[in-house]
Amino acid sequence: MAAVNGHQESESEHFSPYRTDGKLYGFVCVVTGATQPVGKAIVKELAAHGAACIYACSSSPSDDYAGLADQVNKEYPSTKVIGYPFKLANEEDTLALIDDVLNAWGRLDVYVTSSGLLGPPSITETTPADLYKLFEANSMAPFFALKYAPAAMGKTTPKGNYPNAAPKDQAYGSIIVVSSVASTYGGCWGPGLTMSSHAALGVVKAGVATLKGTGVRINCISPGQIDIGVDLKGFDMRGLSAQFPPSSLQSKKVQHEIVGLERAGLPMEVARVAGFLASGFSSYITGHNMVVDGGASVMNPLTVPI
């Protein structure tokens, strides 16, 4: 260890947050909401960065985990994708997941919660039960990640005997909360989404002080209008089975007027931000809210020429 300006700087070639190539060799990751469009894209992006293992988690045991694993492994054969159904906002299930990860791999490096729910679009349609579901999916899942993942991320381990293996000789990790632009302002869908998304960002802001001295970072991604490719005929307008509204609810004309880049975003464009926050490229970023909305949140529709 060399001292620089009174601080310790790692000289370890395996201190992955400082890898100059941003690779995640040896990293073991958890992604919740992994069978939804954005979650799938994040799994693929972490694999593209060279992650050794990704636990693809969802609350539904009937999701196509095998299909997702096959899809990723065709392109990235060195990354093992493990389908893992569990209750996303349940304390016991979260602890069991982390125990399984440590027992199998001896380390945990990245924990992405991407399991959000939209909820009903109006307050008249929103029941207390709906609101509980939204807080569970949107803010309780990040809370449990903050509460229990850091201790696992603090575990060091020698080089394993699996593809892309690398030693972990210092404590570090990255918690990434995928929320919504509703984390900072209202009126983008329904009041339940706004309330629970604000709470998700609150977990991130509270997390910086909570994680002080652990080497673990926590950040939020707040996507705007994302094209998740949902057919409106099969879309549940109560929003209790979807993370984002279909972009087709907004006409191309409206998107052209209110989005700076004049289009909806793609799941992969959210995933690339997650890859950045998981890697060493973001080694000095924590407590930040990365807004991924094509500039919509800084546009004022009243000033757009008619």
Protein backbone atom coordinates (compact mmCIF):
# COMPACT_ATOMS: atom_id res chain seq x y z
CA MET A 1 0.00 0.00 0.00
CA ALA A 2 1.42 3.37 -0.95
CA ALA A 3 0.52 6.58 0.83
CA VAL A 4 -0.66 9.43 -1.40
CA ASN A 5 -1.43 12.78 0.26
CA GLY A 6 -2.01 11.01 3.54
CA HIS A 7 -4.42 8.49 2.00
CA GLN A 8 -3.87 4.85 1.17
CA GLU A 9 -3.94 3.95 -2.50
CA SER A 10 -4.30 0.32 -3.52
CA GLU A 11 -1.54 -1.18 -5.61
CA SER A 12 -3.40 -4.46 -6.01
CA GLU A 13 -4.01 -5.43 -9.63
CA HIS A 14 -7.17 -7.16 -8.42
CA PHE A 15 -8.74 -4.11 -6.78
CA SER A 16 -11.37 -4.14 -9.48
CA PRO A 17 -12.96 -0.71 -8.93
CA TYR A 18 -9.67 0.69 -10.17
CA ARG A 19 -9.28 -1.52 -13.23
CA THR A 20 -8.60 0.85 -16.11
CA ASP A 21 -10.63 -1.24 -18.54
CA GLY A 22 -13.82 -1.23 -16.43
CA LYS A 23 -14.03 -5.02 -16.51
CA LEU A 24 -15.78 -7.04 -13.80
CA TYR A 25 -13.59 -10.15 -13.91
CA GLY A 26 -14.29 -12.33 -10.90
CA PHE A 27 -17.33 -10.28 -9.90
CA VAL A 28 -20.41 -11.98 -8.51
CA CYS A 29 -23.60 -9.98 -9.08
CA VAL A 30 -27.25 -10.00 -8.08
CA VAL A 31 -29.91 -8.46 -10.33
CA THR A 32 -33.52 -8.37 -9.16
CA GLY A 33 -36.35 -7.89 -11.63
CA ALA A 34 -34.04 -9.76 -14.00
CA THR A 35 -36.79 -11.12 -16.23
CA GLN A 36 -38.27 -7.67 -16.96
CA PRO A 37 -36.97 -5.78 -20.02
CA VAL A 38 -34.57 -3.47 -18.14
CA GLY A 39 -33.42 -6.23 -15.77
CA LYS A 40 -32.65 -8.54 -18.71
CA ALA A 41 -30.62 -5.81 -20.35
CA ILE A 42 -28.67 -5.25 -17.13
CA VAL A 43 -27.85 -8.96 -16.86
CA LYS A 44 -26.48 -8.87 -20.42
CA GLU A 45 -24.50 -5.69 -19.76
CA LEU A 46 -22.83 -7.09 -16.63
CA ALA A 47 -21.96 -10.21 -18.62
CA ALA A 48 -20.47 -7.99 -21.35
CA HIS A 49 -18.25 -6.44 -18.66
CA GLY A 50 -16.98 -9.93 -17.82
CA ALA A 51 -18.85 -10.74 -14.59
CA ALA A 52 -18.16 -14.29 -13.42
CA CYS A 53 -21.67 -14.97 -12.12
CA ILE A 54 -25.02 -13.18 -12.15
CA TYR A 55 -27.94 -14.24 -9.98
CA ALA A 56 -30.99 -13.38 -12.10
CA CYS A 57 -33.67 -12.85 -9.46
CA SER A 58 -37.43 -12.40 -9.68
CA SER A 59 -40.42 -12.94 -7.45
CA SER A 60 -42.03 -15.29 -9.96
CA PRO A 61 -40.85 -18.94 -9.98
CA SER A 62 -42.45 -19.41 -13.42
CA ASP A 63 -40.25 -16.85 -15.21
CA ASP A 64 -38.06 -18.09 -18.05
CA TYR A 65 -34.73 -18.14 -16.21
CA ALA A 66 -33.34 -20.89 -18.44
CA GLY A 67 -34.13 -18.91 -21.57
CA LEU A 68 -32.38 -15.84 -20.16
CA ALA A 69 -29.32 -17.88 -19.15
CA ASP A 70 -29.13 -19.54 -22.58
CA GLN A 71 -29.46 -16.17 -24.30
CA VAL A 72 -26.63 -14.62 -22.27
CA ASN A 73 -24.34 -17.66 -22.39
CA LYS A 74 -24.47 -17.85 -26.19
CA GLU A 75 -22.82 -14.44 -26.31
CA TYR A 76 -20.86 -14.53 -23.04
CA PRO A 77 -20.00 -18.17 -22.24
CA SER A 78 -17.70 -17.25 -19.33
CA THR A 79 -20.55 -15.72 -17.31
CA LYS A 80 -22.74 -18.10 -15.31
CA VAL A 81 -26.35 -16.93 -15.03
CA ILE A 82 -28.32 -18.48 -12.17
CA GLY A 83 -32.11 -18.10 -12.12
CA TYR A 84 -33.25 -17.41 -8.57
CA PRO A 85 -36.91 -16.84 -7.60
CA PHE A 86 -37.42 -15.17 -4.22
CA LYS A 87 -39.62 -12.59 -2.52
CA LEU A 88 -37.84 -9.37 -3.39
CA ALA A 89 -38.91 -7.38 -0.32
CA ASN A 90 -38.67 -10.18 2.22
CA GLU A 91 -35.96 -10.09 4.87
CA GLU A 92 -35.56 -13.86 5.26
CA ASP A 93 -35.48 -14.47 1.50
CA THR A 94 -32.90 -11.71 1.00
CA LEU A 95 -30.66 -13.21 3.68
CA ALA A 96 -31.08 -16.69 2.17
CA LEU A 97 -30.08 -15.36 -1.26
CA ILE A 98 -26.95 -13.67 0.11
CA ASP A 99 -26.03 -16.81 2.07
CA ASP A 100 -26.39 -18.89 -1.10
CA VAL A 101 -24.17 -16.46 -3.02
CA LEU A 102 -21.44 -16.52 -0.37
CA ASN A 103 -21.59 -20.30 0.09
CA ALA A 104 -21.23 -20.88 -3.65
CA TRP A 105 -18.78 -18.12 -4.61
CA GLY A 106 -17.33 -16.66 -1.42
CA ARG A 107 -17.98 -13.08 -2.51
CA LEU A 108 -20.59 -10.53 -3.59
CA ASP A 109 -19.65 -7.43 -5.57
CA VAL A 110 -22.69 -5.89 -7.28
CA TYR A 111 -26.33 -5.80 -6.15
CA VAL A 112 -28.83 -4.26 -8.59
CA THR A 113 -32.46 -3.79 -7.57
CA SER A 114 -34.51 -3.43 -10.76
CA SER A 115 -37.84 -4.76 -9.58
CA GLY A 116 -40.07 -1.68 -9.61
CA LEU A 117 -43.82 -1.40 -10.10
CA LEU A 118 -45.85 1.38 -11.70
CA GLY A 119 -49.03 1.06 -9.70
CA PRO A 120 -52.38 2.66 -10.58
CA PRO A 121 -52.28 5.94 -12.55
CA SER A 122 -54.66 7.88 -10.26
CA ILE A 123 -55.19 8.25 -6.53
CA THR A 124 -58.83 7.19 -6.81
CA GLU A 125 -57.70 3.82 -8.17
CA THR A 126 -54.90 3.41 -5.61
CA THR A 127 -55.83 1.29 -2.60
CA PRO A 128 -53.71 1.02 0.56
CA ALA A 129 -52.86 -2.53 -0.50
CA ASP A 130 -51.59 -1.20 -3.85
CA LEU A 131 -49.43 1.33 -2.05
CA TYR A 132 -47.89 -1.36 0.16
CA LYS A 133 -47.00 -3.36 -2.97
CA LEU A 134 -45.36 -0.31 -4.53
CA PHE A 135 -43.29 0.46 -1.46
CA GLU A 136 -42.25 -3.19 -1.22
CA ALA A 137 -41.08 -3.35 -4.84
CA ASN A 138 -39.71 0.17 -5.22
CA SER A 139 -38.15 0.98 -1.86
CA MET A 140 -38.13 -2.04 0.47
CA ALA A 141 -36.06 -4.10 -1.96
CA PRO A 142 -33.36 -1.35 -2.05
CA PHE A 143 -33.58 -1.08 1.75
CA PHE A 144 -32.82 -4.78 2.21
CA ALA A 145 -29.96 -4.50 -0.30
CA LEU A 146 -28.50 -1.62 1.72
CA LYS A 147 -29.03 -3.44 5.01
CA TYR A 148 -27.59 -6.85 4.13
CA ALA A 149 -25.44 -6.71 0.96
CA PRO A 150 -22.54 -4.60 2.36
CA ALA A 151 -21.46 -7.21 4.92
CA ALA A 152 -21.26 -9.78 2.11
CA MET A 153 -19.41 -7.30 -0.11
CA GLY A 154 -16.86 -6.90 2.67
CA LYS A 155 -15.81 -10.56 2.35
CA THR A 156 -12.47 -11.11 0.67
CA THR A 157 -11.60 -14.30 -1.18
CA PRO A 158 -8.65 -15.90 -2.98
CA LYS A 159 -8.85 -16.59 -6.68
CA GLY A 160 -11.54 -19.16 -7.42
CA ASN A 161 -11.50 -22.03 -9.92
CA TYR A 162 -14.24 -20.67 -12.19
CA PRO A 163 -14.13 -18.75 -15.48
CA ASN A 164 -13.11 -15.10 -15.16
CA ALA A 165 -11.99 -15.77 -11.58
CA ALA A 166 -9.98 -13.10 -9.78
CA PRO A 167 -8.98 -12.66 -6.14
CA LYS A 168 -10.78 -10.14 -3.97
CA ASP A 169 -8.28 -8.85 -1.47
CA GLN A 170 -10.06 -5.66 -0.38
CA ALA A 171 -13.63 -4.88 0.60
CA TYR A 172 -15.65 -3.12 -2.07
CA GLY A 173 -19.00 -3.29 -3.80
CA SER A 174 -21.65 -1.37 -5.70
CA ILE A 175 -25.38 -1.23 -4.91
CA ILE A 176 -27.47 0.10 -7.81
CA VAL A 177 -31.12 1.06 -7.39
CA VAL A 178 -33.11 1.28 -10.63
CA SER A 179 -35.98 3.65 -9.88
CA SER A 180 -37.78 6.18 -12.10
CA VAL A 181 -37.79 9.89 -12.85
CA ALA A 182 -40.66 9.84 -10.35
CA SER A 183 -37.89 9.72 -7.72
CA THR A 184 -37.48 13.49 -8.05
CA TYR A 185 -40.76 14.90 -9.36
CA GLY A 186 -44.45 14.08 -9.64
CA GLY A 187 -47.04 13.77 -12.36
CA CYS A 188 -45.30 11.18 -14.53
CA TRP A 189 -47.74 8.33 -13.82
CA GLY A 190 -49.56 8.03 -10.48
CA PRO A 191 -49.07 9.21 -6.88
CA GLY A 192 -48.04 5.77 -5.62
CA LEU A 193 -45.14 5.62 -8.09
CA THR A 194 -43.99 9.09 -7.05
CA MET A 195 -44.15 8.33 -3.33
CA SER A 196 -42.39 4.97 -3.48
CA SER A 197 -39.77 6.19 -5.99
CA HIS A 198 -38.92 9.14 -3.77
CA ALA A 199 -38.42 6.62 -0.96
CA ALA A 200 -36.09 4.58 -3.20
CA LEU A 201 -33.92 7.64 -3.77
CA GLY A 202 -34.09 8.24 -0.03
CA VAL A 203 -32.52 4.82 0.54
CA VAL A 204 -29.64 5.84 -1.74
CA LYS A 205 -29.11 9.20 -0.03
CA ALA A 206 -29.26 7.65 3.42
CA GLY A 207 -26.97 4.89 2.23
CA VAL A 208 -23.90 7.08 1.74
CA ALA A 209 -23.53 7.79 5.46
CA THR A 210 -24.60 4.23 6.31
CA LEU A 211 -21.84 2.79 4.10
CA LYS A 212 -19.12 5.17 5.23
CA GLY A 213 -15.87 3.28 5.67
CA THR A 214 -17.09 0.04 4.05
CA GLY A 215 -15.77 0.59 0.52
CA VAL A 216 -19.29 0.01 -0.80
CA ARG A 217 -20.95 2.58 -3.05
CA ILE A 218 -24.69 3.11 -3.65
CA ASN A 219 -26.28 4.96 -6.55
CA CYS A 220 -29.66 5.38 -8.23
CA ILE A 221 -30.67 5.21 -11.89
CA SER A 222 -33.85 7.12 -12.74
CA PRO A 223 -35.09 6.22 -16.23
CA GLY A 224 -37.68 8.31 -18.03
CA GLN A 225 -39.74 7.04 -20.97
CA ILE A 226 -38.30 3.64 -21.89
CA ASP A 227 -39.46 1.56 -24.85
CA ILE A 228 -40.11 -1.79 -23.18
CA GLY A 229 -41.89 -3.20 -26.19
CA VAL A 230 -45.22 -3.94 -24.45
CA ASP A 231 -48.38 -4.48 -26.49
CA LEU A 232 -51.04 -2.14 -25.11
CA LYS A 233 -53.69 -4.84 -25.58
CA GLY A 234 -52.04 -6.97 -22.93
CA PHE A 235 -50.91 -4.16 -20.65
CA ASP A 236 -52.37 -3.97 -17.15
CA MET A 237 -53.32 -0.31 -16.76
CA ARG A 238 -53.31 -0.74 -12.96
CA GLY A 239 -49.54 -1.07 -13.30
CA LEU A 240 -49.20 -3.95 -10.85
CA SER A 241 -47.24 -6.17 -13.23
CA ALA A 242 -45.06 -3.62 -15.05
CA GLN A 243 -42.04 -1.50 -14.17
CA PHE A 244 -42.47 1.20 -16.84
CA PRO A 245 -45.40 2.33 -18.97
CA PRO A 246 -45.25 1.35 -22.65
CA SER A 247 -43.72 4.16 -24.70
CA SER A 248 -46.62 3.72 -27.13
CA LEU A 249 -48.84 5.50 -24.57
CA GLN A 250 -47.08 8.65 -25.75
CA SER A 251 -47.37 9.56 -29.41
CA LYS A 252 -44.22 10.16 -31.43
CA LYS A 253 -45.32 13.79 -31.70
CA VAL A 254 -45.46 14.17 -27.91
CA GLN A 255 -42.08 12.45 -27.47
CA HIS A 256 -40.62 14.75 -30.13
CA GLU A 257 -41.86 17.79 -28.23
CA ILE A 258 -41.04 16.94 -24.62
CA VAL A 259 -37.92 14.74 -24.88
CA GLY A 260 -34.64 16.46 -25.68
CA LEU A 261 -33.44 13.52 -27.78
CA GLU A 262 -36.92 13.27 -29.36
CA ARG A 263 -37.48 9.55 -28.69
CA ALA A 264 -38.04 6.98 -25.99
CA GLY A 265 -34.98 5.29 -24.50
CA LEU A 266 -34.10 1.62 -24.77
CA PRO A 267 -33.59 -0.88 -21.94
CA MET A 268 -29.95 -1.30 -23.03
CA GLU A 269 -29.39 2.44 -22.56
CA VAL A 270 -30.41 2.06 -18.92
CA ALA A 271 -28.28 -1.08 -18.62
CA ARG A 272 -25.16 0.71 -19.83
CA VAL A 273 -25.48 3.14 -16.94
CA ALA A 274 -25.75 0.16 -14.58
CA GLY A 275 -22.58 -1.28 -16.14
CA PHE A 276 -20.83 2.04 -15.55
CA LEU A 277 -21.95 2.18 -11.90
CA ALA A 278 -20.89 -1.43 -11.33
CA SER A 279 -17.41 -0.90 -12.77
CA GLY A 280 -14.29 0.99 -11.86
CA PHE A 281 -15.26 3.78 -14.24
CA SER A 282 -17.48 5.12 -11.43
CA SER A 283 -15.13 4.40 -8.51
CA TYR A 284 -15.58 7.88 -6.96
CA ILE A 285 -19.35 8.15 -7.50
CA THR A 286 -21.74 7.37 -4.65
CA GLY A 287 -25.08 8.79 -3.55
CA HIS A 288 -25.78 10.00 -7.07
CA ASN A 289 -29.03 9.92 -9.05
CA MET A 290 -28.30 9.18 -12.71
CA VAL A 291 -31.29 10.50 -14.67
CA VAL A 292 -31.66 8.60 -17.96
CA ASP A 293 -34.51 10.38 -19.72
CA GLY A 294 -33.18 11.89 -22.93
CA GLY A 295 -33.29 15.33 -21.36
CA ALA A 296 -37.05 15.33 -20.72
CA SER A 297 -36.78 16.45 -17.10
CA VAL A 298 -34.99 19.66 -18.06
CA MET A 299 -37.35 20.54 -20.92
CA ASN A 300 -40.19 22.99 -20.34
CA PRO A 301 -43.08 21.99 -22.63
CA LEU A 302 -44.52 25.51 -22.36
CA THR A 303 -41.56 26.91 -24.25
CA VAL A 304 -41.62 24.39 -27.10
CA PRO A 305 -42.68 26.22 -30.30
CA ILE A 306 -46.06 25.17 -31.61
